[in-house]
Amino acid sequence: MNTKKQCFQCGEDGTDIYGYTICDTCKSKIGLFTDETIKKHILLYNESKNNSYAEEIEDRLIFIEKDYIKKKIKLLSIQERLNELE
């Protein structure tokens, strides 16, 4: 059985990118960087900072993951409380 996956944003048929399903329309709206843009950022970043652009991206991913976990815990806690209060 071939089941189509739905875009996380709009629900249309999509494909997997980094573990998330996204359609072509929503993917085009994200504004993914081209290789040329990434190269420009590397040059600009490395001129002004002590760590590399790659390290900065890794640090940002870690920060976002921790922030996501905190927010999800908070919302799950509220959801649990709502269920107990009903």
Protein backbone atom coordinates (compact mmCIF):
# COMPACT_ATOMS: atom_id res chain seq x y z
CA MET A 1 0.00 0.00 0.00
CA ASN A 2 1.46 3.36 -1.07
CA THR A 3 0.31 6.08 1.31
CA LYS A 4 1.10 9.66 0.44
CA LYS A 5 2.44 11.87 3.18
CA GLN A 6 0.90 15.23 3.93
CA CYS A 7 2.80 18.50 4.14
CA PHE A 8 3.26 19.54 7.77
CA GLN A 9 2.23 23.10 6.86
CA CYS A 10 -0.74 22.86 4.49
CA GLY A 11 -1.74 19.18 4.32
CA GLU A 12 -1.09 18.75 0.59
CA ASP A 13 0.88 15.79 -0.75
CA GLY A 14 4.56 16.24 -0.05
CA THR A 15 7.97 14.64 0.10
CA ASP A 16 10.37 14.07 2.96
CA ILE A 17 13.08 16.62 3.70
CA TYR A 18 15.16 16.15 6.85
CA GLY A 19 12.46 13.98 8.41
CA TYR A 20 9.59 16.38 7.70
CA THR A 21 7.03 16.10 4.91
CA ILE A 22 6.65 19.26 2.85
CA CYS A 23 5.03 20.08 -0.48
CA ASP A 24 6.84 21.96 -3.24
CA THR A 25 4.81 25.16 -2.68
CA CYS A 26 5.57 25.38 1.04
CA LYS A 27 9.21 24.38 0.42
CA SER A 28 9.61 27.28 -2.00
CA LYS A 29 8.25 29.69 0.65
CA ILE A 30 10.81 28.66 3.27
CA GLY A 31 13.61 30.43 1.47
CA LEU A 32 16.25 27.72 1.53
CA PHE A 33 19.74 29.07 0.88
CA THR A 34 21.53 28.33 -2.37
CA ASP A 35 25.15 27.17 -2.30
CA GLU A 36 26.24 30.64 -3.42
CA THR A 37 24.38 32.29 -0.53
CA ILE A 38 25.93 29.86 1.95
CA LYS A 39 29.41 30.61 0.58
CA LYS A 40 28.80 34.35 1.00
CA HIS A 41 27.66 33.81 4.59
CA ILE A 42 30.74 31.73 5.34
CA LEU A 43 33.02 34.49 4.09
CA LEU A 44 31.17 37.26 5.93
CA TYR A 45 30.87 35.27 9.14
CA ASN A 46 34.45 34.07 9.28
CA GLU A 47 35.75 37.63 8.91
CA SER A 48 33.98 38.83 12.04
CA LYS A 49 33.71 35.88 14.47
CA ASN A 50 35.95 33.51 16.42
CA ASN A 51 34.09 30.31 15.55
CA SER A 52 33.14 29.06 12.11
CA TYR A 53 29.83 29.48 10.33
CA ALA A 54 29.31 25.71 10.58
CA GLU A 55 29.77 25.89 14.37
CA GLU A 56 27.32 28.79 14.56
CA ILE A 57 24.70 26.81 12.63
CA GLU A 58 25.22 23.82 14.96
CA ASP A 59 24.85 26.08 18.02
CA ARG A 60 21.64 27.52 16.61
CA LEU A 61 20.20 24.05 15.95
CA ILE A 62 20.96 23.03 19.54
CA PHE A 63 19.34 26.21 20.87
CA ILE A 64 16.21 25.70 18.75
CA GLU A 65 15.91 22.05 19.83
CA LYS A 66 16.14 22.98 23.53
CA ASP A 67 13.64 25.82 23.06
CA TYR A 68 11.26 23.47 21.23
CA ILE A 69 11.47 20.90 24.04
CA LYS A 70 10.76 23.53 26.73
CA LYS A 71 7.76 24.88 24.84
CA LYS A 72 6.40 21.42 24.11
CA ILE A 73 6.69 20.43 27.78
CA LYS A 74 4.84 23.61 28.77
CA LEU A 75 2.01 22.98 26.29
CA LEU A 76 1.74 19.30 27.25
CA SER A 77 1.52 20.35 30.89
CA ILE A 78 -1.30 22.78 30.08
CA GLN A 79 -3.06 20.08 28.07
CA GLU A 80 -2.78 17.64 30.95
CA ARG A 81 -4.11 20.20 33.42
CA LEU A 82 -7.03 21.01 31.11
CA ASN A 83 -7.94 17.33 30.91
CA GLU A 84 -7.85 17.03 34.70
CA LEU A 85 -9.90 20.20 35.18
CA GLU A 86 -12.73 19.07 32.90
